[in-house]
Amino acid sequence: MIGSFYQFLYGSTPAEFTSAFGLQESVERLRAATKRTVFSALAQPEAVGPVKENKVRLQRVIPMFHNSFKPFFFGRFEARSDGVFLTGKFSLLPLVKIFMTFWLGATIVFGILCAVSAESRNAGAWGALACFGMTGFGVGLVALGKWLARNDSEWLSTVIRTALQAPSSPGVGPASVAPSEAGTPMVLKLTAGFLFLAGVVNLASVYGHRMPKGPIASQFGEPFLATSIGVMSVVMIGLAVGIYRRKLLAWRLGLAFLAGSAAVSLFLFSSFPPPLGLRIGESVAMLVVFAFWIRWWYAQRIHFVEEDATWPSTRA
């Protein structure tokens, strides 16, 4: 049992990939097929991480989804007499292992201390139960994270094999070999679901007479604000349907919706009473946030069906 738990938390799976190319070309092809930062994976899952001759560390990055308990590939290239190989292992990040060691160790020790406490047997028993509950929570969290990432090792293996075994093109590496999703990608499903739910909630708030009171309502009048929110909610629901169906018009309207929301939010913030410096700081922060979301939404263009030869086209 101890061995199984050790493997569960600290274990790794060895892996080795054969390259059809020389050492330097193998490094360059794998580097061309992967991304360097998580911000490069805005539209679709990507293999991300540094790729060097002596250091390869790759993870599968899924847009808008973070999982600390997913496997990473740690490896290095080796040139042998019979060819070039990428050798390594799939394992959790060392920092995650250290954190879980402290978490589980601290909860177990504290639980034992509570159980043997002579001051209050009743309080000690409840303390021990709570501490062991936190231990179970930690183990369950790791198990859930591993289950959610159960396909990551095979997915990364496919990316690596494709990069190292793809037909050679002189001077050109593969632009991307990440497996693509069939049907509506998860990122669009999540986006559509969020917009649909937000639109329904807003409509329920407006027509259920649950509009919040505050400086915005007093500035513009509640009837005007309620009508504006109602219209925006209908637009959000329509966008959700179009995004789920991957309509190019929905993508264009999404850009306009984000830009319009940024302008309206900036205008509303300007009506607040804080000092000028604070208002300027809030406005700049809001612009940065909306700029990120607009850039993120622009990257989702690759998921939408090309209905005609209109801008921006994904065709070469």
Protein backbone atom coordinates (compact mmCIF):
# COMPACT_ATOMS: atom_id res chain seq x y z
CA MET A 1 0.00 0.00 0.00
CA ILE A 2 2.82 2.40 0.87
CA GLY A 3 4.51 1.58 -2.42
CA SER A 4 1.31 2.30 -4.35
CA PHE A 5 0.85 5.63 -2.59
CA TYR A 6 4.50 6.56 -3.26
CA GLN A 7 4.02 5.76 -6.94
CA PHE A 8 0.76 7.72 -6.96
CA LEU A 9 2.42 10.90 -5.71
CA TYR A 10 6.11 10.63 -6.62
CA GLY A 11 6.18 8.03 -9.39
CA SER A 12 7.07 8.63 -13.01
CA THR A 13 6.69 6.82 -16.33
CA PRO A 14 9.84 6.48 -18.45
CA ALA A 15 9.58 7.29 -22.15
CA GLU A 16 11.90 7.28 -25.14
CA PHE A 17 11.31 8.59 -28.66
CA THR A 18 13.37 7.81 -31.74
CA SER A 19 14.16 10.63 -34.14
CA ALA A 20 14.50 10.22 -37.89
CA PHE A 21 16.84 13.22 -38.06
CA GLY A 22 20.16 14.43 -36.78
CA LEU A 23 20.62 15.89 -33.32
CA GLN A 24 20.38 19.58 -34.19
CA GLU A 25 17.52 19.10 -36.64
CA SER A 26 15.63 17.01 -34.09
CA VAL A 27 15.89 19.82 -31.54
CA GLU A 28 14.77 22.40 -34.09
CA ARG A 29 11.83 20.34 -35.31
CA LEU A 30 10.50 19.72 -31.82
CA ARG A 31 11.00 23.38 -30.94
CA ALA A 32 9.07 24.41 -34.08
CA ALA A 33 6.22 22.04 -33.19
CA THR A 34 5.80 23.41 -29.65
CA LYS A 35 5.29 26.75 -27.94
CA ARG A 36 7.44 28.51 -25.35
CA THR A 37 4.88 30.14 -23.05
CA VAL A 38 1.36 29.32 -21.86
CA PHE A 39 0.16 32.59 -23.41
CA SER A 40 0.82 31.04 -26.81
CA ALA A 41 -2.01 28.55 -26.24
CA LEU A 42 -4.93 30.94 -26.51
CA ALA A 43 -7.02 29.14 -29.12
CA GLN A 44 -6.30 25.42 -28.88
CA PRO A 45 -4.34 22.93 -26.78
CA GLU A 46 -0.62 23.23 -27.34
CA ALA A 47 2.54 21.49 -26.16
CA VAL A 48 4.40 24.20 -24.24
CA GLY A 49 7.83 24.40 -22.68
CA PRO A 50 11.56 24.84 -23.31
CA VAL A 51 13.17 22.61 -25.91
CA LYS A 52 16.97 22.41 -25.82
CA GLU A 53 19.44 19.66 -26.46
CA ASN A 54 20.02 19.07 -22.74
CA LYS A 55 16.61 20.13 -21.47
CA VAL A 56 13.13 19.34 -22.73
CA ARG A 57 10.19 20.09 -20.48
CA LEU A 58 6.77 19.96 -22.09
CA GLN A 59 3.23 20.21 -20.79
CA ARG A 60 -0.14 20.16 -22.44
CA VAL A 61 -1.77 23.58 -22.06
CA ILE A 62 -5.51 23.78 -22.57
CA PRO A 63 -6.94 27.31 -23.00
CA MET A 64 -8.77 28.63 -19.93
CA PHE A 65 -8.01 25.51 -17.92
CA HIS A 66 -5.32 25.02 -15.28
CA ASN A 67 -4.37 21.73 -13.67
CA SER A 68 -1.37 21.59 -11.34
CA PHE A 69 -1.50 17.79 -11.18
CA LYS A 70 -1.01 17.06 -14.87
CA PRO A 71 2.04 15.16 -16.11
CA PHE A 72 5.01 16.97 -17.61
CA PHE A 73 7.54 15.40 -19.93
CA PHE A 74 11.12 15.88 -18.69
CA GLY A 75 13.85 14.72 -21.04
CA ARG A 76 16.95 15.38 -23.10
CA PHE A 77 18.27 14.49 -26.55
CA GLU A 78 20.96 11.85 -26.86
CA ALA A 79 23.06 11.04 -29.93
CA ARG A 80 24.01 7.36 -29.97
CA SER A 81 25.67 5.11 -32.49
CA ASP A 82 22.29 3.85 -33.66
CA GLY A 83 20.57 7.23 -33.94
CA VAL A 84 19.17 10.21 -32.05
CA PHE A 85 16.79 9.64 -29.14
CA LEU A 86 14.74 11.81 -26.84
CA THR A 87 14.78 10.09 -23.46
CA GLY A 88 12.95 11.15 -20.33
CA LYS A 89 9.91 10.56 -18.18
CA PHE A 90 6.37 11.75 -17.52
CA SER A 91 5.92 13.02 -13.98
CA LEU A 92 4.39 15.73 -11.83
CA LEU A 93 6.28 18.98 -11.35
CA PRO A 94 8.80 18.77 -8.47
CA LEU A 95 7.22 21.85 -6.88
CA VAL A 96 3.85 20.08 -6.78
CA LYS A 97 5.42 17.05 -5.12
CA ILE A 98 7.09 19.26 -2.50
CA PHE A 99 3.85 21.12 -1.80
CA MET A 100 1.84 17.91 -1.41
CA THR A 101 4.53 16.45 0.86
CA PHE A 102 4.22 19.42 3.21
CA TRP A 103 0.41 19.37 2.96
CA LEU A 104 -0.02 15.68 3.71
CA GLY A 105 2.79 15.56 6.27
CA ALA A 106 1.48 18.56 8.21
CA THR A 107 -2.11 17.31 8.28
CA ILE A 108 -1.11 13.82 9.42
CA VAL A 109 1.21 15.09 12.17
CA PHE A 110 -1.34 17.62 13.39
CA GLY A 111 -4.05 14.97 13.37
CA ILE A 112 -1.94 12.64 15.48
CA LEU A 113 -1.18 15.43 17.96
CA CYS A 114 -4.87 16.21 18.27
CA ALA A 115 -5.72 12.56 18.80
CA VAL A 116 -3.24 12.12 21.67
CA SER A 117 -4.00 15.49 23.24
CA ALA A 118 -4.82 15.06 26.92
CA GLU A 119 -6.43 18.50 27.39
CA SER A 120 -9.72 17.63 25.78
CA ARG A 121 -10.42 14.20 24.43
CA ASN A 122 -13.59 15.35 22.69
CA ALA A 123 -11.93 18.38 21.03
CA GLY A 124 -8.91 16.27 20.18
CA ALA A 125 -11.07 13.68 18.44
CA TRP A 126 -12.80 16.33 16.35
CA GLY A 127 -9.44 17.91 15.54
CA ALA A 128 -8.04 14.58 14.45
CA LEU A 129 -11.10 13.94 12.27
CA ALA A 130 -10.74 17.35 10.62
CA CYS A 131 -7.03 16.83 9.97
CA PHE A 132 -7.51 13.41 8.46
CA GLY A 133 -10.32 14.88 6.41
CA MET A 134 -7.88 17.46 5.01
CA THR A 135 -5.49 14.60 4.24
CA GLY A 136 -8.22 12.85 2.31
CA PHE A 137 -9.07 16.09 0.54
CA GLY A 138 -5.44 16.48 -0.57
CA VAL A 139 -5.26 12.93 -1.89
CA GLY A 140 -8.60 13.36 -3.65
CA LEU A 141 -7.42 16.60 -5.24
CA VAL A 142 -4.35 14.89 -6.68
CA ALA A 143 -6.49 11.97 -7.90
CA LEU A 144 -8.97 14.32 -9.58
CA GLY A 145 -6.19 16.29 -11.26
CA LYS A 146 -4.59 13.10 -12.55
CA TRP A 147 -7.93 11.86 -13.84
CA LEU A 148 -8.59 15.11 -15.70
CA ALA A 149 -5.12 14.84 -17.27
CA ARG A 150 -5.34 11.10 -17.95
CA ASN A 151 -4.79 11.61 -21.70
CA ASP A 152 -2.02 14.20 -21.47
CA SER A 153 0.91 11.76 -21.63
CA GLU A 154 -0.38 10.10 -24.80
CA TRP A 155 -1.25 13.49 -26.29
CA LEU A 156 2.27 14.81 -25.67
CA SER A 157 3.75 11.57 -27.00
CA THR A 158 1.81 12.05 -30.24
CA VAL A 159 3.13 15.60 -30.60
CA ILE A 160 6.72 14.46 -30.02
CA ARG A 161 6.52 11.45 -32.34
CA THR A 162 4.93 13.51 -35.12
CA ALA A 163 7.62 16.17 -34.86
CA LEU A 164 10.50 13.71 -34.86
CA GLN A 165 9.12 11.35 -37.51
CA ALA A 166 7.41 13.78 -39.93
CA PRO A 167 8.74 13.90 -43.52
CA SER A 168 11.61 16.32 -43.75
CA SER A 169 11.24 19.66 -45.55
CA PRO A 170 14.57 21.40 -46.16
CA GLY A 171 15.00 24.26 -43.72
CA VAL A 172 11.40 24.14 -42.54
CA GLY A 173 10.09 22.52 -39.37
CA PRO A 174 6.48 21.67 -38.64
CA ALA A 175 4.48 24.74 -37.63
CA SER A 176 2.20 22.76 -35.34
CA VAL A 177 1.56 19.08 -34.79
CA ALA A 178 -0.82 19.35 -31.85
CA PRO A 179 -3.84 17.06 -32.33
CA SER A 180 -6.98 19.09 -33.01
CA GLU A 181 -10.41 18.54 -31.50
CA ALA A 182 -13.31 17.20 -33.57
CA GLY A 183 -16.57 19.15 -33.59
CA THR A 184 -17.06 22.20 -31.41
CA PRO A 185 -13.87 22.70 -29.34
CA MET A 186 -14.20 22.70 -25.57
CA VAL A 187 -13.08 26.32 -25.35
CA LEU A 188 -16.05 27.38 -27.51
CA LYS A 189 -18.44 25.19 -25.53
CA LEU A 190 -17.30 26.84 -22.29
CA THR A 191 -17.52 30.32 -23.82
CA ALA A 192 -20.99 29.68 -25.21
CA GLY A 193 -22.15 28.19 -21.91
CA PHE A 194 -20.86 31.17 -19.92
CA LEU A 195 -22.50 33.71 -22.25
CA PHE A 196 -25.80 31.83 -22.28
CA LEU A 197 -25.89 31.50 -18.48
CA ALA A 198 -24.89 35.14 -17.96
CA GLY A 199 -27.59 36.30 -20.38
CA VAL A 200 -30.29 34.23 -18.66
CA VAL A 201 -29.22 35.43 -15.20
CA ASN A 202 -29.22 39.06 -16.34
CA LEU A 203 -32.69 38.73 -17.86
CA ALA A 204 -33.97 37.13 -14.66
CA SER A 205 -32.46 39.99 -12.64
CA VAL A 206 -33.98 42.68 -14.85
CA TYR A 207 -37.49 41.27 -15.18
CA GLY A 208 -37.47 39.81 -11.68
CA HIS A 209 -36.99 43.37 -10.35
CA ARG A 210 -33.74 42.49 -8.64
CA MET A 211 -31.65 45.28 -10.13
CA PRO A 212 -28.94 46.45 -7.69
CA LYS A 213 -29.03 50.01 -6.44
CA GLY A 214 -25.88 52.10 -6.69
CA PRO A 215 -24.06 54.96 -8.41
CA ILE A 216 -24.57 53.53 -11.91
CA ALA A 217 -28.34 53.27 -11.52
CA SER A 218 -28.57 56.76 -10.05
CA GLN A 219 -26.55 58.24 -12.91
CA PHE A 220 -28.49 56.75 -15.79
CA GLY A 221 -31.85 55.94 -14.28
CA GLU A 222 -32.94 52.41 -13.54
CA PRO A 223 -35.37 52.04 -16.51
CA PHE A 224 -32.62 52.95 -18.98
CA LEU A 225 -30.08 50.70 -17.29
CA ALA A 226 -32.55 47.81 -17.08
CA THR A 227 -33.40 48.12 -20.78
CA SER A 228 -29.71 48.25 -21.70
CA ILE A 229 -28.95 45.15 -19.64
CA GLY A 230 -31.95 43.37 -21.16
CA VAL A 231 -30.76 44.13 -24.71
CA MET A 232 -27.21 43.10 -23.84
CA SER A 233 -28.52 39.85 -22.34
CA VAL A 234 -30.40 38.96 -25.51
CA VAL A 235 -27.25 39.69 -27.53
CA MET A 236 -25.24 37.44 -25.22
CA ILE A 237 -27.69 34.55 -25.65
CA GLY A 238 -27.65 35.00 -29.43
CA LEU A 239 -23.85 35.10 -29.40
CA ALA A 240 -23.77 31.91 -27.32
CA VAL A 241 -25.83 30.05 -29.93
CA GLY A 242 -23.71 31.37 -32.80
CA ILE A 243 -20.44 30.55 -31.04
CA TYR A 244 -21.55 27.01 -30.27
CA ARG A 245 -22.45 26.55 -33.95
CA ARG A 246 -19.07 28.07 -34.92
CA LYS A 247 -20.57 30.79 -37.11
CA LEU A 248 -18.09 33.33 -38.44
CA LEU A 249 -20.61 36.13 -37.87
CA ALA A 250 -20.69 35.24 -34.16
CA TRP A 251 -16.90 35.56 -34.02
CA ARG A 252 -17.07 39.03 -35.61
CA LEU A 253 -19.89 40.12 -33.32
CA GLY A 254 -17.88 38.78 -30.38
CA LEU A 255 -15.05 41.19 -31.24
CA ALA A 256 -17.52 44.05 -31.51
CA PHE A 257 -19.19 42.99 -28.25
CA LEU A 258 -15.89 43.02 -26.35
CA ALA A 259 -14.84 46.36 -27.81
CA GLY A 260 -18.25 47.85 -27.00
CA SER A 261 -18.20 46.44 -23.48
CA ALA A 262 -14.78 47.99 -22.92
CA ALA A 263 -16.02 51.40 -24.09
CA VAL A 264 -19.19 51.24 -21.96
CA SER A 265 -17.31 50.03 -18.87
CA LEU A 266 -14.75 52.80 -19.26
CA PHE A 267 -17.54 55.36 -19.55
CA LEU A 268 -19.31 53.99 -16.47
CA PHE A 269 -16.12 54.02 -14.41
CA SER A 270 -15.57 57.67 -15.28
CA SER A 271 -18.79 58.50 -13.36
CA PHE A 272 -17.47 57.14 -10.05
CA PRO A 273 -16.43 59.65 -7.36
CA PRO A 274 -12.86 58.44 -6.44
CA PRO A 275 -9.92 60.81 -6.96
CA LEU A 276 -8.73 61.40 -10.52
CA GLY A 277 -5.57 59.35 -10.05
CA LEU A 278 -7.51 56.33 -8.85
CA ARG A 279 -9.99 56.61 -11.72
CA ILE A 280 -7.13 56.77 -14.22
CA GLY A 281 -5.50 53.70 -12.65
CA GLU A 282 -8.78 51.77 -12.74
CA SER A 283 -9.36 52.75 -16.37
CA VAL A 284 -5.87 51.66 -17.43
CA ALA A 285 -6.26 48.34 -15.62
CA MET A 286 -9.63 47.80 -17.29
CA LEU A 287 -8.18 48.54 -20.73
CA VAL A 288 -5.39 46.02 -20.12
CA VAL A 289 -7.92 43.36 -19.11
CA PHE A 290 -10.14 43.99 -22.14
CA ALA A 291 -7.09 44.08 -24.44
CA PHE A 292 -6.16 40.60 -23.23
CA TRP A 293 -9.67 39.26 -23.77
CA ILE A 294 -9.89 40.83 -27.25
CA ARG A 295 -6.52 39.29 -28.15
CA TRP A 296 -7.71 35.96 -26.79
CA TRP A 297 -10.95 36.10 -28.74
CA TYR A 298 -9.11 37.05 -31.94
CA ALA A 299 -7.04 33.85 -31.57
CA GLN A 300 -10.24 31.77 -31.52
CA ARG A 301 -10.76 32.63 -35.21
CA ILE A 302 -9.28 29.29 -36.24
CA HIS A 303 -12.26 27.43 -34.74
CA PHE A 304 -14.94 29.16 -36.80
CA VAL A 305 -16.23 27.89 -40.12
CA GLU A 306 -15.16 29.89 -43.16
CA GLU A 307 -18.46 30.94 -44.73
CA ASP A 308 -17.04 33.09 -47.49
CA ALA A 309 -13.81 34.79 -48.56
CA THR A 310 -14.10 37.61 -46.04
CA TRP A 311 -11.58 39.08 -43.64
CA PRO A 312 -9.75 37.67 -41.86
CA SER A 313 -9.35 34.52 -43.90
CA THR A 314 -7.45 31.48 -42.64
CA ARG A 315 -6.64 30.39 -46.17
CA ALA A 316 -3.09 30.76 -47.37
